[in-house]
Structure formats: structure tokens, C-alpha cells
Amino acid sequence: MAGDSVSTLILFIAAMLVAAGVAGTLVTNVNELSNSVDTHSAEVTEKIDTDIEIISDPGSDAVYNASGSENITILVKNTGQETLPADGTAVDVLVNGSYVSNDEFTVTVRDGGGVWRDGTVAELEIDRSLATPAEHRVVVTVNGAEEVFEFYAP
């Protein structure tokens, strides 16, 4: 009889050790998963809170002047809840399908004291000459929010 209780005790201790090992592994994995979800949810929240609207008039000569500076100038309004960096680091621009690097455009906030908050307008000036007369397309992306602007350059 005493042999049965000793073997049962050994099996019980072995089961407890296995359960403790499994519990430790699960706690570690759950913590890593929780941290990953927190990080990803912050990025998703930033993307959801970001929204822009191009408010330039596509028929205006102010967008592109072939005889003048040969720069594309568009007005972009921050319509989201996220305050955007006014230095252009969060802005990606495509002109007629070609990527425009950050040193080829400038972002100037027109109102709001230099901070691109909700409701403020920024002027995006792109240093790019275009074929005229022709239709052109500019795509502006900020934190995943994308706007397309199509215009005709006479």
C-alpha cells in the first residue's frame, strides 16, 4: 500500500512540474502577443484618425504654370483628428505614377501657427516640370490616407 502512495505522489509531482512549465510558456507567449496587439492597435488608430482632402481647383492656373515656376502647387486640408508633421516626413507623393522624394517638395502650413492640425490647410509645392498640354495625376498619401488629384496643364 505504501508503494502505491509513493508512486502516486511521484506522478502528482511530475504532473505539477509539467503544468508549471506549460503555464510559464503560456504566460510568456500571452505577454508577447499582448505587446504586439498594443503596438499594432496604436498604428491602426493613427491611420484611422488620419484623413486629408485636396481642396485645390483642378481648373485653376495656380496648380501649374508652365510659363512660370513649373512647380505643381496643391492645397491639402487635414480633415482627420491626427495632428500631422508639418515637415513633410509623413507625406508620400506620386506625380503621374512617379515617386517624388522628400527633397523635391515642400509642405507649408497656411494657417494654425505652423502646426498641421485638424482643419488646417497646407500648401504642397512639388518641384516637377510637366508635359503640356496634357492631363496629369497627383497622389498624396499621409499615414495611409490617400487622395488623388487630377488636373489639366494647358
C-alpha atoms as a PDB file:
ATOM      1  CA  MET A   1       0.000   0.000   0.000  1.00  0.00           C
ATOM      2  CA  ALA A   2       2.810   2.368   0.840  1.00  0.00           C
ATOM      3  CA  GLY A   3       4.272   1.764  -2.630  1.00  0.00           C
ATOM      4  CA  ASP A   4       1.060   2.938  -4.251  1.00  0.00           C
ATOM      5  CA  SER A   5       1.028   6.229  -2.394  1.00  0.00           C
ATOM      6  CA  VAL A   6       4.704   6.919  -3.236  1.00  0.00           C
ATOM      7  CA  SER A   7       4.175   6.260  -6.940  1.00  0.00           C
ATOM      8  CA  THR A   8       1.017   8.424  -6.873  1.00  0.00           C
ATOM      9  CA  LEU A   9       2.994  11.213  -5.178  1.00  0.00           C
ATOM     10  CA  ILE A  10       5.746  10.963  -7.807  1.00  0.00           C
ATOM     11  CA  LEU A  11       3.176  11.123 -10.627  1.00  0.00           C
ATOM     12  CA  PHE A  12       1.473  14.078  -8.923  1.00  0.00           C
ATOM     13  CA  ILE A  13       4.788  15.965  -8.615  1.00  0.00           C
ATOM     14  CA  ALA A  14       5.642  15.201 -12.254  1.00  0.00           C
ATOM     15  CA  ALA A  15       2.222  16.453 -13.373  1.00  0.00           C
ATOM     16  CA  MET A  16       2.691  19.666 -11.349  1.00  0.00           C
ATOM     17  CA  LEU A  17       6.126  20.262 -12.937  1.00  0.00           C
ATOM     18  CA  VAL A  18       4.711  19.773 -16.439  1.00  0.00           C
ATOM     19  CA  ALA A  19       1.762  22.068 -15.651  1.00  0.00           C
ATOM     20  CA  ALA A  20       4.104  24.751 -14.270  1.00  0.00           C
ATOM     21  CA  GLY A  21       6.277  24.548 -17.402  1.00  0.00           C
ATOM     22  CA  VAL A  22       3.255  24.841 -19.687  1.00  0.00           C
ATOM     23  CA  ALA A  23       1.850  27.738 -17.636  1.00  0.00           C
ATOM     24  CA  GLY A  24       5.193  29.584 -17.780  1.00  0.00           C
ATOM     25  CA  THR A  25       5.371  29.178 -21.549  1.00  0.00           C
ATOM     26  CA  LEU A  26       1.774  30.343 -21.979  1.00  0.00           C
ATOM     27  CA  VAL A  27       2.311  33.429 -19.806  1.00  0.00           C
ATOM     28  CA  THR A  28       5.374  34.424 -21.855  1.00  0.00           C
ATOM     29  CA  ASN A  29       3.541  33.937 -25.162  1.00  0.00           C
ATOM     30  CA  VAL A  30       0.467  35.811 -23.969  1.00  0.00           C
ATOM     31  CA  ASN A  31       2.623  38.758 -22.843  1.00  0.00           C
ATOM     32  CA  GLU A  32       4.390  38.901 -26.222  1.00  0.00           C
ATOM     33  CA  LEU A  33       1.056  38.711 -28.041  1.00  0.00           C
ATOM     34  CA  SER A  34      -0.410  41.439 -25.834  1.00  0.00           C
ATOM     35  CA  ASN A  35       2.544  43.759 -26.530  1.00  0.00           C
ATOM     36  CA  SER A  36       2.227  43.106 -30.254  1.00  0.00           C
ATOM     37  CA  VAL A  37      -1.509  43.897 -30.218  1.00  0.00           C
ATOM     38  CA  ASP A  38      -0.873  47.124 -28.269  1.00  0.00           C
ATOM     39  CA  THR A  39       1.751  48.271 -30.767  1.00  0.00           C
ATOM     40  CA  HIS A  40      -0.366  47.379 -33.792  1.00  0.00           C
ATOM     41  CA  SER A  41      -3.500  48.970 -32.367  1.00  0.00           C
ATOM     42  CA  ALA A  42      -1.652  52.280 -31.842  1.00  0.00           C
ATOM     43  CA  GLU A  43      -0.580  52.248 -35.507  1.00  0.00           C
ATOM     44  CA  VAL A  44      -4.101  51.402 -36.671  1.00  0.00           C
ATOM     45  CA  THR A  45      -5.574  54.157 -34.502  1.00  0.00           C
ATOM     46  CA  GLU A  46      -3.155  56.657 -36.046  1.00  0.00           C
ATOM     47  CA  LYS A  47      -4.186  55.546 -39.538  1.00  0.00           C
ATOM     48  CA  ILE A  48      -7.892  55.709 -38.699  1.00  0.00           C
ATOM     49  CA  ASP A  49      -7.543  59.195 -37.195  1.00  0.00           C
ATOM     50  CA  THR A  50      -5.664  60.499 -40.253  1.00  0.00           C
ATOM     51  CA  ASP A  51      -7.629  61.924 -43.166  1.00  0.00           C
ATOM     52  CA  ILE A  52      -6.773  64.510 -45.807  1.00  0.00           C
ATOM     53  CA  GLU A  53      -8.634  66.281 -48.587  1.00  0.00           C
ATOM     54  CA  ILE A  54      -7.131  68.047 -51.601  1.00  0.00           C
ATOM     55  CA  ILE A  55      -9.040  71.311 -51.928  1.00  0.00           C
ATOM     56  CA  SER A  56      -7.260  72.847 -54.935  1.00  0.00           C
ATOM     57  CA  ASP A  57      -9.315  73.708 -58.012  1.00  0.00           C
ATOM     58  CA  PRO A  58      -8.173  71.419 -60.857  1.00  0.00           C
ATOM     59  CA  GLY A  59      -9.066  74.094 -63.444  1.00  0.00           C
ATOM     60  CA  SER A  60      -7.015  76.831 -61.805  1.00  0.00           C
ATOM     61  CA  ASP A  61      -3.773  78.202 -63.258  1.00  0.00           C
ATOM     62  CA  ALA A  62      -2.479  78.262 -59.675  1.00  0.00           C
ATOM     63  CA  VAL A  63      -1.958  74.481 -59.756  1.00  0.00           C
ATOM     64  CA  TYR A  64       0.627  74.513 -62.569  1.00  0.00           C
ATOM     65  CA  ASN A  65       2.012  77.429 -64.500  1.00  0.00           C
ATOM     66  CA  ALA A  66       4.019  76.160 -67.473  1.00  0.00           C
ATOM     67  CA  SER A  67       5.387  79.612 -68.318  1.00  0.00           C
ATOM     68  CA  GLY A  68       6.339  80.432 -64.719  1.00  0.00           C
ATOM     69  CA  SER A  69       7.959  78.391 -61.996  1.00  0.00           C
ATOM     70  CA  GLU A  70       6.908  74.987 -63.398  1.00  0.00           C
ATOM     71  CA  ASN A  71       6.007  73.751 -59.921  1.00  0.00           C
ATOM     72  CA  ILE A  72       2.854  71.865 -59.009  1.00  0.00           C
ATOM     73  CA  THR A  73       1.100  73.620 -56.129  1.00  0.00           C
ATOM     74  CA  ILE A  74      -1.829  71.943 -54.391  1.00  0.00           C
ATOM     75  CA  LEU A  75      -3.671  72.703 -51.173  1.00  0.00           C
ATOM     76  CA  VAL A  76      -4.193  69.791 -48.782  1.00  0.00           C
ATOM     77  CA  LYS A  77      -6.559  70.065 -45.819  1.00  0.00           C
ATOM     78  CA  ASN A  78      -6.163  67.919 -42.712  1.00  0.00           C
ATOM     79  CA  THR A  79      -9.695  66.620 -42.114  1.00  0.00           C
ATOM     80  CA  GLY A  80      -8.730  63.927 -39.622  1.00  0.00           C
ATOM     81  CA  GLN A  81      -8.238  64.003 -35.871  1.00  0.00           C
ATOM     82  CA  GLU A  82      -4.484  63.342 -36.022  1.00  0.00           C
ATOM     83  CA  THR A  83      -2.035  66.277 -35.968  1.00  0.00           C
ATOM     84  CA  LEU A  84       0.334  65.727 -38.898  1.00  0.00           C
ATOM     85  CA  PRO A  85       4.014  66.659 -39.052  1.00  0.00           C
ATOM     86  CA  ALA A  86       4.400  69.920 -40.983  1.00  0.00           C
ATOM     87  CA  ASP A  87       7.869  68.992 -42.241  1.00  0.00           C
ATOM     88  CA  GLY A  88       6.541  66.561 -44.871  1.00  0.00           C
ATOM     89  CA  THR A  89       8.091  63.423 -43.371  1.00  0.00           C
ATOM     90  CA  ALA A  90       4.720  61.649 -43.217  1.00  0.00           C
ATOM     91  CA  VAL A  91       3.768  62.662 -46.783  1.00  0.00           C
ATOM     92  CA  ASP A  92       4.292  60.449 -49.838  1.00  0.00           C
ATOM     93  CA  VAL A  93       3.708  61.935 -53.290  1.00  0.00           C
ATOM     94  CA  LEU A  94       3.329  60.391 -56.744  1.00  0.00           C
ATOM     95  CA  VAL A  95       3.147  62.525 -59.896  1.00  0.00           C
ATOM     96  CA  ASN A  96       1.880  60.629 -62.940  1.00  0.00           C
ATOM     97  CA  GLY A  97       2.909  57.382 -61.243  1.00  0.00           C
ATOM     98  CA  SER A  98       6.467  58.520 -60.407  1.00  0.00           C
ATOM     99  CA  TYR A  99       7.558  58.768 -56.793  1.00  0.00           C
ATOM    100  CA  VAL A 100       8.608  62.227 -55.612  1.00  0.00           C
ATOM    101  CA  SER A 101      11.300  62.202 -52.919  1.00  0.00           C
ATOM    102  CA  ASN A 102      11.035  64.409 -49.829  1.00  0.00           C
ATOM    103  CA  ASP A 103      13.679  66.830 -51.085  1.00  0.00           C
ATOM    104  CA  GLU A 104      11.623  67.543 -54.232  1.00  0.00           C
ATOM    105  CA  PHE A 105       8.612  69.036 -52.412  1.00  0.00           C
ATOM    106  CA  THR A 106       7.877  71.378 -49.543  1.00  0.00           C
ATOM    107  CA  VAL A 107       4.956  71.484 -47.142  1.00  0.00           C
ATOM    108  CA  THR A 108       3.933  74.889 -45.779  1.00  0.00           C
ATOM    109  CA  VAL A 109       1.069  75.126 -43.303  1.00  0.00           C
ATOM    110  CA  ARG A 110      -1.048  78.133 -44.288  1.00  0.00           C
ATOM    111  CA  ASP A 111      -2.910  78.644 -41.026  1.00  0.00           C
ATOM    112  CA  GLY A 112      -2.815  77.321 -37.480  1.00  0.00           C
ATOM    113  CA  GLY A 113       0.582  78.636 -36.435  1.00  0.00           C
ATOM    114  CA  GLY A 114       2.707  76.171 -38.388  1.00  0.00           C
ATOM    115  CA  VAL A 115       1.116  73.030 -36.931  1.00  0.00           C
ATOM    116  CA  TRP A 116      -0.888  70.860 -39.339  1.00  0.00           C
ATOM    117  CA  ARG A 117      -3.885  70.233 -37.064  1.00  0.00           C
ATOM    118  CA  ASP A 118      -7.407  69.178 -37.868  1.00  0.00           C
ATOM    119  CA  GLY A 119      -8.993  71.771 -40.151  1.00  0.00           C
ATOM    120  CA  THR A 120      -5.772  73.474 -41.222  1.00  0.00           C
ATOM    121  CA  VAL A 121      -4.554  73.730 -44.790  1.00  0.00           C
ATOM    122  CA  ALA A 122      -1.046  73.051 -46.033  1.00  0.00           C
ATOM    123  CA  GLU A 123       0.394  74.054 -49.374  1.00  0.00           C
ATOM    124  CA  LEU A 124       2.277  71.262 -51.091  1.00  0.00           C
ATOM    125  CA  GLU A 125       4.722  72.603 -53.676  1.00  0.00           C
ATOM    126  CA  ILE A 126       6.221  69.911 -55.894  1.00  0.00           C
ATOM    127  CA  ASP A 127       9.293  70.712 -57.966  1.00  0.00           C
ATOM    128  CA  ARG A 128       8.375  68.898 -61.156  1.00  0.00           C
ATOM    129  CA  SER A 129       8.014  70.083 -64.748  1.00  0.00           C
ATOM    130  CA  LEU A 130       5.201  68.526 -66.738  1.00  0.00           C
ATOM    131  CA  ALA A 131       4.437  67.943 -70.381  1.00  0.00           C
ATOM    132  CA  THR A 132       1.858  70.436 -71.628  1.00  0.00           C
ATOM    133  CA  PRO A 133      -0.857  70.388 -72.763  1.00  0.00           C
ATOM    134  CA  ALA A 134      -1.825  67.185 -71.005  1.00  0.00           C
ATOM    135  CA  GLU A 135      -3.790  65.690 -68.144  1.00  0.00           C
ATOM    136  CA  HIS A 136      -1.844  64.855 -65.010  1.00  0.00           C
ATOM    137  CA  ARG A 137      -2.422  62.995 -61.760  1.00  0.00           C
ATOM    138  CA  VAL A 138      -1.007  63.628 -58.286  1.00  0.00           C
ATOM    139  CA  VAL A 139      -1.481  61.103 -55.467  1.00  0.00           C
ATOM    140  CA  VAL A 140      -0.836  62.308 -51.909  1.00  0.00           C
ATOM    141  CA  THR A 141      -0.635  59.761 -49.082  1.00  0.00           C
ATOM    142  CA  VAL A 142      -0.331  60.620 -45.376  1.00  0.00           C
ATOM    143  CA  ASN A 143      -0.301  57.776 -42.797  1.00  0.00           C
ATOM    144  CA  GLY A 144      -2.256  55.565 -45.186  1.00  0.00           C
ATOM    145  CA  ALA A 145      -4.880  58.222 -46.042  1.00  0.00           C
ATOM    146  CA  GLU A 146      -4.736  58.705 -49.805  1.00  0.00           C
ATOM    147  CA  GLU A 147      -6.129  61.442 -52.048  1.00  0.00           C
ATOM    148  CA  VAL A 148      -5.962  61.645 -55.851  1.00  0.00           C
ATOM    149  CA  PHE A 149      -5.877  64.970 -57.706  1.00  0.00           C
ATOM    150  CA  GLU A 150      -6.320  65.085 -61.471  1.00  0.00           C
ATOM    151  CA  PHE A 151      -5.805  68.283 -63.448  1.00  0.00           C
ATOM    152  CA  TYR A 152      -5.140  69.579 -66.946  1.00  0.00           C
ATOM    153  CA  ALA A 153      -1.998  71.607 -67.605  1.00  0.00           C
ATOM    154  CA  PRO A 154      -2.556  73.868 -70.645  1.00  0.00           C
END
